[in-house]
Structure formats: structure tokens, C-alpha cells
Amino acid sequence: MGSRDLSGSKRGPAVLRLPAALRRPLGYRLLPAPLVLPTCHLFITPLALCFAALLWMPGSAAAQESPVLLEAISVLPVEGPESNQPSGLFVHNDTLYTVSDKHDDTIFRIELREDVAVFVPHIRFEAPKPFGVFRLDLEGITRDDDGSFYLASEGAFAILKVDADGKKASWVTTSLRKTGASAGLFQTRGGYLEGITLMARDRFLVTAEREPCGLIEVDMAPVQRIVEIANHGATDSYTGLHREVENVYILQRSTATIRRTIRYLDVDSPSTIWSFAHIVNDPEYLYQHEQFGAKTAEGLAMDRDRVYVILDNNNDARRMYPTDHRPLLLIMKRPG
């Protein structure tokens, strides 16, 4: 399988292309037909009117547009250190960065080669571990304009800052565990802090992964304070975030979708859905166990032309290739 570099130039044999039928965006909105009520059925008028009103509510599922199917440019196996479990993704100046939840001391960059994506250590650091925390379990990554990285630690329920040269690592926040628990979050083991994005200088948005999933916005200037906290229930898993101006993009692992919205704290707010489920459900890319099949997306990044999603398969093997235990990196065309 071939690949392309981040600038768009072709770097090998033909890359994966989906059939044209799958690449066609589904941009249609289903409009309810006019409501016709025979006079003999006037007794159902109140119920029918309520149903019609529900169809037109801006935040209701019925008012959402059909998902846009993302077009795959390439799907690359990821090679790296032993126990490589990628989690989190960020792109800057055509370079992808990630962390692994099994490596507490390294930020990796991802080099795209002919037919593989390779984890290369970018920064090694030593982070002080809070009392009672034995493993940081790094899950998300973002970066500021000064080059410092910010990592979401599931083990510490906190945000870690790593300077651009890796010489200093310090905790930006105290533990968010009690704050999240007060809103009903962090109820499921392994479903704690996951995605992270920088909303403004010293202001972060992080996700509570699952059961229930939710969002916490925290401002660090001049001291730590919670701006907003939202519990979105147990319907999905939030594993990645990306922000551009007023839009927030949420990686929804359970449905293999990306939700773009402005009112990100309101789960019912109008949004656009991009789907890559047709890619990860392709027999070529499915893993042997269902829980590690389509539900493995752990990191989201975007630039002007492309959408990047990285999969963490927890060392599971692919169904068609029982000896291949590598994660996958999806590189997809960004919708206009």
C-alpha cells in the first residue's frame, strides 16, 4: 500500500481509494412531509403537532444532516517501540505528534514512510508523579505557540506541561477527579481523562472518555478555575479533540465519527458529522475482537487539507492478518 507525505506529494505505489459511491458526501437533509390531518382524526391533533415540532427542533437528531463520509487517502500500519499504544494526536508544520499510554516519558513524532507510519522519539522528559499516582497513562496531546506540549494524564486526572526542549515538565492543573465526579463523570475505570485541546492561552478543554462521556473546560489564568463542565451521558466515547476558531471537533469512538459544533457543551446542539466507520469496518482493517474493531480511534488531528485519526488496537491482531498486531493511522481528505 502506498502513502503520501503531509504536503500531498505521492510517495509510493497507488494508495487506498474507496469506490466513488462511498466517497460521495451525503449532504441531504430529510424534510418532514406536510402534516395532513383528516377531520375524522382531530382528536390526535395535539400529539401530531408535538411530533412535528420535535422534527423541526434545531438540536434534535431529526434536524441533523446525514453524516459526511470521509474519503481515505491512505491507511498506514504504525510501527514503534514495544507495547506501542498510541493515544492522542496533534499536527504542527506538517509533522504529527502523539503519546503512548504505555510510555510515561516520551512524546513521539510520526514519520510517514513508503508503506508505514513510524513512531520516532521526539522529546524525552521526566515528570514528577503526584502522590499515589504510579503510572501517568498519557492519553491526549496539544501544543501552544511557544512550542510547549500539554498532555492529558488519565492516571493523574490532570494536565502536564512539557517544555519544547523537554528539560522541564510540570503539572498545569491539580487533579480534576473530584470536579468531574461532582458532575457524574469519571464513574468507569479506564474512562477518565482522554482528549485535550487548547481553547485560548491558559484555557483547556478536556474530555471524560466514557460511561458517561463529557467535557471539562478549565482556565488557568490567574489561578485554576472550572469554566464549564458538561455530562453528555453514556451514549458515546469521547477520545479526541481539535479546535479551530469557534469550532470544536470531537472524536466519537463508539460510532467512528467526528462531530463539529460551536456549542460544544450542549450535546443536542446543531452539528455536522463526519464518519469514517466505512473505513475501519472494512474487512482489511478490522481487528479480531469486536471491541477493538471499529471502536479503536484514540487521537484526532487536522490541517487544511486532511483529517488524521490514529487507532489503538491494544495489541490485538487484524482479522485478515493474524500476525499483524500494529495500530493504524488513517489519513483522510478533509471535506470542503
Protein backbone atom coordinates (compact mmCIF):
# COMPACT_ATOMS: atom_id res chain seq x y z
CA MET A 1 0.00 0.00 0.00
CA GLY A 2 1.39 3.40 -0.87
CA SER A 3 1.20 6.66 1.02
CA ARG A 4 1.57 10.38 0.62
CA ASP A 5 3.56 12.79 2.71
CA LEU A 6 1.82 15.61 4.57
CA SER A 7 2.46 18.06 1.74
CA GLY A 8 0.37 15.90 -0.57
CA SER A 9 3.08 14.53 -2.86
CA LYS A 10 2.84 10.88 -3.83
CA ARG A 11 5.44 8.70 -2.16
CA GLY A 12 4.84 5.17 -3.40
CA PRO A 13 2.53 2.89 -5.33
CA ALA A 14 -1.16 3.60 -5.60
CA VAL A 15 -2.77 4.44 -2.30
CA LEU A 16 -6.03 3.17 -0.95
CA ARG A 17 -9.03 4.70 -2.72
CA LEU A 18 -12.60 3.95 -1.83
CA PRO A 19 -15.23 3.36 -4.53
CA ALA A 20 -16.81 6.54 -5.82
CA ALA A 21 -20.12 5.63 -4.25
CA LEU A 22 -18.54 5.65 -0.80
CA ARG A 23 -16.68 8.89 -1.40
CA ARG A 24 -19.80 10.86 -2.26
CA PRO A 25 -20.77 13.08 0.70
CA LEU A 26 -24.27 12.64 1.98
CA GLY A 27 -25.35 16.23 2.28
CA TYR A 28 -29.08 15.85 2.14
CA ARG A 29 -31.49 16.94 4.85
CA LEU A 30 -34.65 14.94 5.35
CA LEU A 31 -37.57 17.32 5.44
CA PRO A 32 -40.81 16.14 7.01
CA ALA A 33 -43.77 15.97 4.68
CA PRO A 34 -46.66 18.38 5.29
CA LEU A 35 -48.83 17.20 8.11
CA VAL A 36 -52.32 16.32 6.85
CA LEU A 37 -54.94 15.62 9.47
CA PRO A 38 -58.31 14.29 8.33
CA THR A 39 -61.19 15.87 10.15
CA CYS A 40 -62.21 12.48 11.44
CA HIS A 41 -58.94 12.26 13.37
CA LEU A 42 -58.89 15.67 15.02
CA PHE A 43 -58.50 14.03 18.40
CA ILE A 44 -54.82 13.28 17.64
CA THR A 45 -54.00 16.86 16.66
CA PRO A 46 -52.09 17.83 19.84
CA LEU A 47 -49.90 14.73 19.66
CA ALA A 48 -49.21 15.16 15.96
CA LEU A 49 -48.32 18.81 16.39
CA CYS A 50 -45.88 17.96 19.17
CA PHE A 51 -44.23 15.38 16.92
CA ALA A 52 -43.97 17.86 14.07
CA ALA A 53 -42.42 20.43 16.37
CA LEU A 54 -39.86 17.87 17.50
CA LEU A 55 -38.81 17.26 13.90
CA TRP A 56 -38.01 20.93 13.48
CA MET A 57 -36.15 21.48 16.74
CA PRO A 58 -32.65 22.66 15.77
CA GLY A 59 -30.91 20.45 18.31
CA SER A 60 -32.91 17.29 17.70
CA ALA A 61 -31.49 14.25 15.95
CA ALA A 62 -34.15 14.58 13.26
CA ALA A 63 -32.82 18.02 12.33
CA GLN A 64 -29.20 16.86 11.93
CA GLU A 65 -27.74 16.43 8.47
CA SER A 66 -26.75 12.98 7.26
CA PRO A 67 -23.11 12.12 8.02
CA VAL A 68 -20.44 13.06 5.52
CA LEU A 69 -18.38 10.01 4.59
CA LEU A 70 -14.69 10.82 4.81
CA GLU A 71 -12.55 9.78 1.85
CA ALA A 72 -9.48 7.70 2.69
CA ILE A 73 -6.18 8.83 1.20
CA SER A 74 -4.13 6.13 2.90
CA VAL A 75 -4.28 3.75 5.85
CA LEU A 76 -0.85 3.01 7.29
CA PRO A 77 0.25 0.46 9.91
CA VAL A 78 2.11 2.11 12.77
CA GLU A 79 5.50 0.81 13.88
CA GLY A 80 7.24 1.88 17.04
CA PRO A 81 8.53 0.79 20.42
CA GLU A 82 7.37 -2.32 22.23
CA SER A 83 3.91 -2.01 23.79
CA ASN A 84 3.16 0.86 21.44
CA GLN A 85 -0.38 2.05 22.21
CA PRO A 86 -0.89 5.43 20.55
CA SER A 87 -3.29 7.81 22.20
CA GLY A 88 -3.75 11.41 21.19
CA LEU A 89 -2.67 13.20 18.03
CA PHE A 90 -1.56 16.71 17.08
CA VAL A 91 -0.23 18.19 13.83
CA HIS A 92 2.04 21.23 13.52
CA ASN A 93 4.01 22.38 10.47
CA ASP A 94 3.28 19.14 8.62
CA THR A 95 4.52 16.98 11.50
CA LEU A 96 2.33 14.65 13.52
CA TYR A 97 2.93 14.20 17.25
CA THR A 98 1.48 11.64 19.63
CA VAL A 99 1.90 9.94 23.00
CA SER A 100 1.54 6.33 24.07
CA ASP A 101 -0.32 5.35 27.20
CA LYS A 102 2.44 2.84 27.94
CA HIS A 103 5.30 5.37 27.73
CA ASP A 104 5.21 7.98 30.50
CA ASP A 105 8.39 9.79 29.47
CA THR A 106 8.20 10.33 25.71
CA ILE A 107 6.49 12.50 23.11
CA PHE A 108 6.72 10.87 19.68
CA ARG A 109 6.64 12.32 16.21
CA ILE A 110 5.23 10.20 13.41
CA GLU A 111 7.28 9.82 10.25
CA LEU A 112 5.34 8.78 7.16
CA ARG A 113 7.36 6.36 5.05
CA GLU A 114 6.56 4.29 1.98
CA ASP A 115 4.03 1.91 3.49
CA VAL A 116 4.20 2.55 7.23
CA ALA A 117 4.00 5.29 9.83
CA VAL A 118 6.88 5.14 12.31
CA PHE A 119 6.98 6.40 15.91
CA VAL A 120 10.23 8.29 16.49
CA PRO A 121 11.07 9.67 19.97
CA HIS A 122 10.85 13.48 19.74
CA ILE A 123 11.18 14.58 23.36
CA ARG A 124 12.08 12.59 26.43
CA PHE A 125 11.18 14.11 29.78
CA GLU A 126 10.88 13.29 33.44
CA ALA A 127 7.58 14.25 35.05
CA PRO A 128 7.04 14.41 38.80
CA LYS A 129 4.38 11.90 39.78
CA PRO A 130 1.66 13.17 42.11
CA PHE A 131 1.24 11.33 45.40
CA GLY A 132 -0.42 7.98 44.88
CA VAL A 133 -0.01 8.00 41.08
CA PHE A 134 2.09 5.10 39.81
CA ARG A 135 1.51 5.48 36.07
CA LEU A 136 0.72 8.68 34.17
CA ASP A 137 -1.18 6.89 31.36
CA LEU A 138 -0.83 9.72 28.83
CA GLU A 139 -3.90 9.95 26.60
CA GLY A 140 -4.06 13.30 24.79
CA ILE A 141 -1.69 15.92 23.38
CA THR A 142 -1.84 19.55 22.24
CA ARG A 143 0.68 22.37 21.78
CA ASP A 144 0.88 26.15 22.22
CA ASP A 145 2.50 28.78 20.02
CA ASP A 146 5.67 28.72 22.13
CA GLY A 147 6.26 25.06 21.34
CA SER A 148 5.32 23.66 24.74
CA PHE A 149 3.25 20.48 24.77
CA TYR A 150 0.30 19.77 27.06
CA LEU A 151 -0.58 16.16 27.84
CA ALA A 152 -3.75 14.73 29.36
CA SER A 153 -2.86 12.20 32.05
CA GLU A 154 -5.56 9.67 32.81
CA GLY A 155 -3.59 8.33 35.76
CA ALA A 156 -3.23 11.74 37.42
CA PHE A 157 -6.56 13.25 36.21
CA ALA A 158 -4.51 16.33 35.31
CA ILE A 159 -2.74 18.26 32.54
CA LEU A 160 1.04 18.04 32.23
CA LYS A 161 3.12 20.74 30.52
CA VAL A 162 6.36 19.72 28.78
CA ASP A 163 8.66 22.49 27.55
CA ALA A 164 9.71 22.43 23.90
CA ASP A 165 13.17 21.10 24.76
CA GLY A 166 11.87 18.57 27.27
CA LYS A 167 14.07 19.92 30.07
CA LYS A 168 11.13 20.80 32.29
CA ALA A 169 7.84 19.03 32.90
CA SER A 170 5.30 20.42 35.37
CA TRP A 171 1.65 19.99 36.25
CA VAL A 172 -0.61 22.74 34.93
CA THR A 173 -3.66 21.62 36.89
CA THR A 174 -4.33 19.80 40.09
CA SER A 175 -6.39 16.62 39.87
CA LEU A 176 -9.75 17.12 38.14
CA ARG A 177 -11.14 13.89 39.56
CA LYS A 178 -13.38 15.39 42.26
CA THR A 179 -14.55 18.13 39.91
CA GLY A 180 -15.58 15.62 37.27
CA ALA A 181 -17.13 13.24 39.77
CA SER A 182 -19.29 16.06 41.14
CA ALA A 183 -20.92 16.25 37.70
CA GLY A 184 -21.29 12.48 37.42
CA LEU A 185 -18.17 11.93 35.29
CA PHE A 186 -15.26 9.53 35.87
CA GLN A 187 -17.54 6.72 37.03
CA THR A 188 -15.98 3.94 34.92
CA ARG A 189 -12.48 2.61 35.37
CA GLY A 190 -10.43 3.44 32.28
CA GLY A 191 -12.96 6.05 31.17
CA TYR A 192 -11.27 9.10 32.64
CA LEU A 193 -9.33 11.99 31.01
CA GLU A 194 -8.71 11.39 27.32
CA GLY A 195 -8.73 14.19 24.72
CA ILE A 196 -7.34 17.70 25.12
CA THR A 197 -7.26 20.90 23.09
CA LEU A 198 -6.18 24.47 23.77
CA MET A 199 -9.12 26.89 23.60
CA ALA A 200 -7.08 30.03 24.33
CA ARG A 201 -3.90 30.83 26.17
CA ASP A 202 -4.11 29.08 29.56
CA ARG A 203 -7.58 27.69 28.79
CA PHE A 204 -8.09 24.00 28.03
CA LEU A 205 -10.92 21.70 27.05
CA VAL A 206 -10.58 18.04 28.06
CA THR A 207 -12.83 15.03 27.65
CA ALA A 208 -14.13 12.46 30.07
CA GLU A 209 -13.95 9.39 27.88
CA ARG A 210 -16.99 7.23 28.55
CA GLU A 211 -19.84 5.96 30.71
CA PRO A 212 -20.55 8.78 30.92
CA CYS A 213 -18.67 10.92 28.44
CA GLY A 214 -18.38 14.66 28.92
CA LEU A 215 -16.32 17.82 28.67
CA ILE A 216 -14.50 19.97 31.20
CA GLU A 217 -13.26 23.47 30.35
CA VAL A 218 -10.62 24.78 32.73
CA ASP A 219 -8.95 28.21 32.83
CA MET A 220 -5.55 28.59 34.47
CA ALA A 221 -5.27 32.39 34.47
CA PRO A 222 -4.62 33.68 37.03
CA VAL A 223 -5.48 30.55 39.06
CA GLN A 224 -7.19 27.29 38.24
CA ARG A 225 -10.95 27.55 37.86
CA ILE A 226 -13.56 25.44 36.12
CA VAL A 227 -15.27 27.42 33.36
CA GLU A 228 -17.85 24.81 32.39
CA ILE A 229 -18.47 21.12 32.88
CA ALA A 230 -20.90 19.00 30.86
CA ASN A 231 -22.08 15.42 31.33
CA HIS A 232 -23.19 14.02 27.96
CA GLY A 233 -24.37 10.63 29.20
CA ALA A 234 -23.30 7.13 28.25
CA THR A 235 -24.20 7.20 24.56
CA ASP A 236 -20.68 7.56 23.16
CA SER A 237 -16.95 7.73 23.91
CA TYR A 238 -15.02 10.99 23.51
CA THR A 239 -11.39 10.18 22.71
CA GLY A 240 -10.04 13.22 20.86
CA LEU A 241 -10.47 16.97 20.40
CA HIS A 242 -9.49 19.59 17.86
CA ARG A 243 -10.31 23.30 17.87
CA GLU A 244 -10.32 25.82 15.03
CA VAL A 245 -11.51 29.35 15.78
CA GLU A 246 -15.07 28.85 17.09
CA ASN A 247 -15.48 25.22 16.02
CA VAL A 248 -14.72 22.25 18.24
CA TYR A 249 -14.31 18.79 16.69
CA ILE A 250 -15.00 15.81 18.95
CA LEU A 251 -13.75 12.31 18.07
CA GLN A 252 -16.56 9.89 18.94
CA ARG A 253 -15.02 6.44 19.14
CA SER A 254 -18.13 4.31 19.59
CA THR A 255 -19.62 5.50 16.30
CA ALA A 256 -16.34 6.14 14.42
CA THR A 257 -17.40 9.73 13.78
CA ILE A 258 -16.19 13.30 14.25
CA ARG A 259 -18.70 15.88 15.42
CA ARG A 260 -18.17 19.54 14.54
CA THR A 261 -20.06 22.01 16.68
CA ILE A 262 -19.86 25.53 18.09
CA ARG A 263 -21.95 24.94 21.22
CA TYR A 264 -19.74 22.03 22.24
CA LEU A 265 -21.00 21.83 25.82
CA ASP A 266 -24.57 21.20 24.62
CA VAL A 267 -24.83 17.60 23.42
CA ASP A 268 -28.01 18.45 21.47
CA SER A 269 -26.60 21.49 19.69
CA PRO A 270 -26.67 21.60 15.86
CA SER A 271 -23.61 19.85 14.48
CA THR A 272 -22.03 18.36 11.39
CA ILE A 273 -21.00 14.71 11.49
CA TRP A 274 -18.08 13.24 9.57
CA SER A 275 -17.94 9.44 9.50
CA PHE A 276 -15.01 7.09 8.95
CA ALA A 277 -16.93 3.98 10.04
CA HIS A 278 -16.92 2.63 6.48
CA ILE A 279 -13.11 2.65 6.57
CA VAL A 280 -12.49 1.00 9.94
CA ASN A 281 -15.25 -1.55 9.26
CA ASP A 282 -13.61 -2.63 6.02
CA PRO A 283 -12.51 -6.28 6.46
CA GLU A 284 -8.99 -5.19 5.51
CA TYR A 285 -8.69 -3.13 8.70
CA LEU A 286 -10.89 -4.89 11.25
CA TYR A 287 -9.24 -6.37 14.32
CA GLN A 288 -10.06 -9.83 15.66
CA HIS A 289 -12.06 -8.78 18.69
CA GLU A 290 -15.16 -6.68 18.25
CA GLN A 291 -14.24 -4.23 20.99
CA PHE A 292 -11.03 -3.49 19.10
CA GLY A 293 -12.71 -3.37 15.68
CA ALA A 294 -14.29 -0.09 14.70
CA LYS A 295 -14.02 1.24 18.25
CA THR A 296 -10.29 1.91 18.42
CA ALA A 297 -9.97 5.59 17.46
CA GLU A 298 -7.79 7.32 20.07
CA GLY A 299 -6.48 10.52 18.51
CA LEU A 300 -7.64 13.29 16.15
CA ALA A 301 -5.70 15.96 14.28
CA MET A 302 -6.48 18.15 11.27
CA ASP A 303 -4.79 20.55 8.93
CA ARG A 304 -6.19 22.48 6.00
CA ASP A 305 -6.45 19.51 3.68
CA ARG A 306 -6.50 16.38 5.78
CA VAL A 307 -8.04 14.63 8.75
CA TYR A 308 -5.86 12.26 10.77
CA VAL A 309 -7.17 9.59 13.14
CA ILE A 310 -4.95 7.11 14.96
CA LEU A 311 -6.20 3.75 16.20
CA ASP A 312 -5.11 1.97 19.37
CA ASN A 313 -5.82 -1.74 18.95
CA ASN A 314 -4.44 -2.76 22.37
CA ASN A 315 -2.07 -5.19 20.61
CA ASP A 316 -4.97 -7.06 19.03
CA ALA A 317 -4.34 -8.73 15.64
CA ARG A 318 -6.14 -7.89 12.44
CA ARG A 319 -8.65 -10.48 11.23
CA MET A 320 -7.16 -10.87 7.77
CA TYR A 321 -3.56 -10.80 9.06
CA PRO A 322 -3.38 -12.76 12.34
CA THR A 323 0.31 -11.99 12.88
CA ASP A 324 -0.08 -8.23 12.41
CA HIS A 325 -0.63 -6.50 15.75
CA ARG A 326 0.19 -2.96 14.63
CA PRO A 327 -2.06 0.06 15.20
CA LEU A 328 -3.27 2.03 12.17
CA LEU A 329 -3.11 5.66 11.10
CA LEU A 330 -5.96 6.92 8.91
CA ILE A 331 -5.21 9.83 6.58
CA MET A 332 -8.40 11.21 5.04
CA LYS A 333 -9.39 14.05 2.78
CA ARG A 334 -10.89 16.94 4.70
CA PRO A 335 -14.37 17.92 3.49
CA GLY A 336 -14.69 21.40 2.00
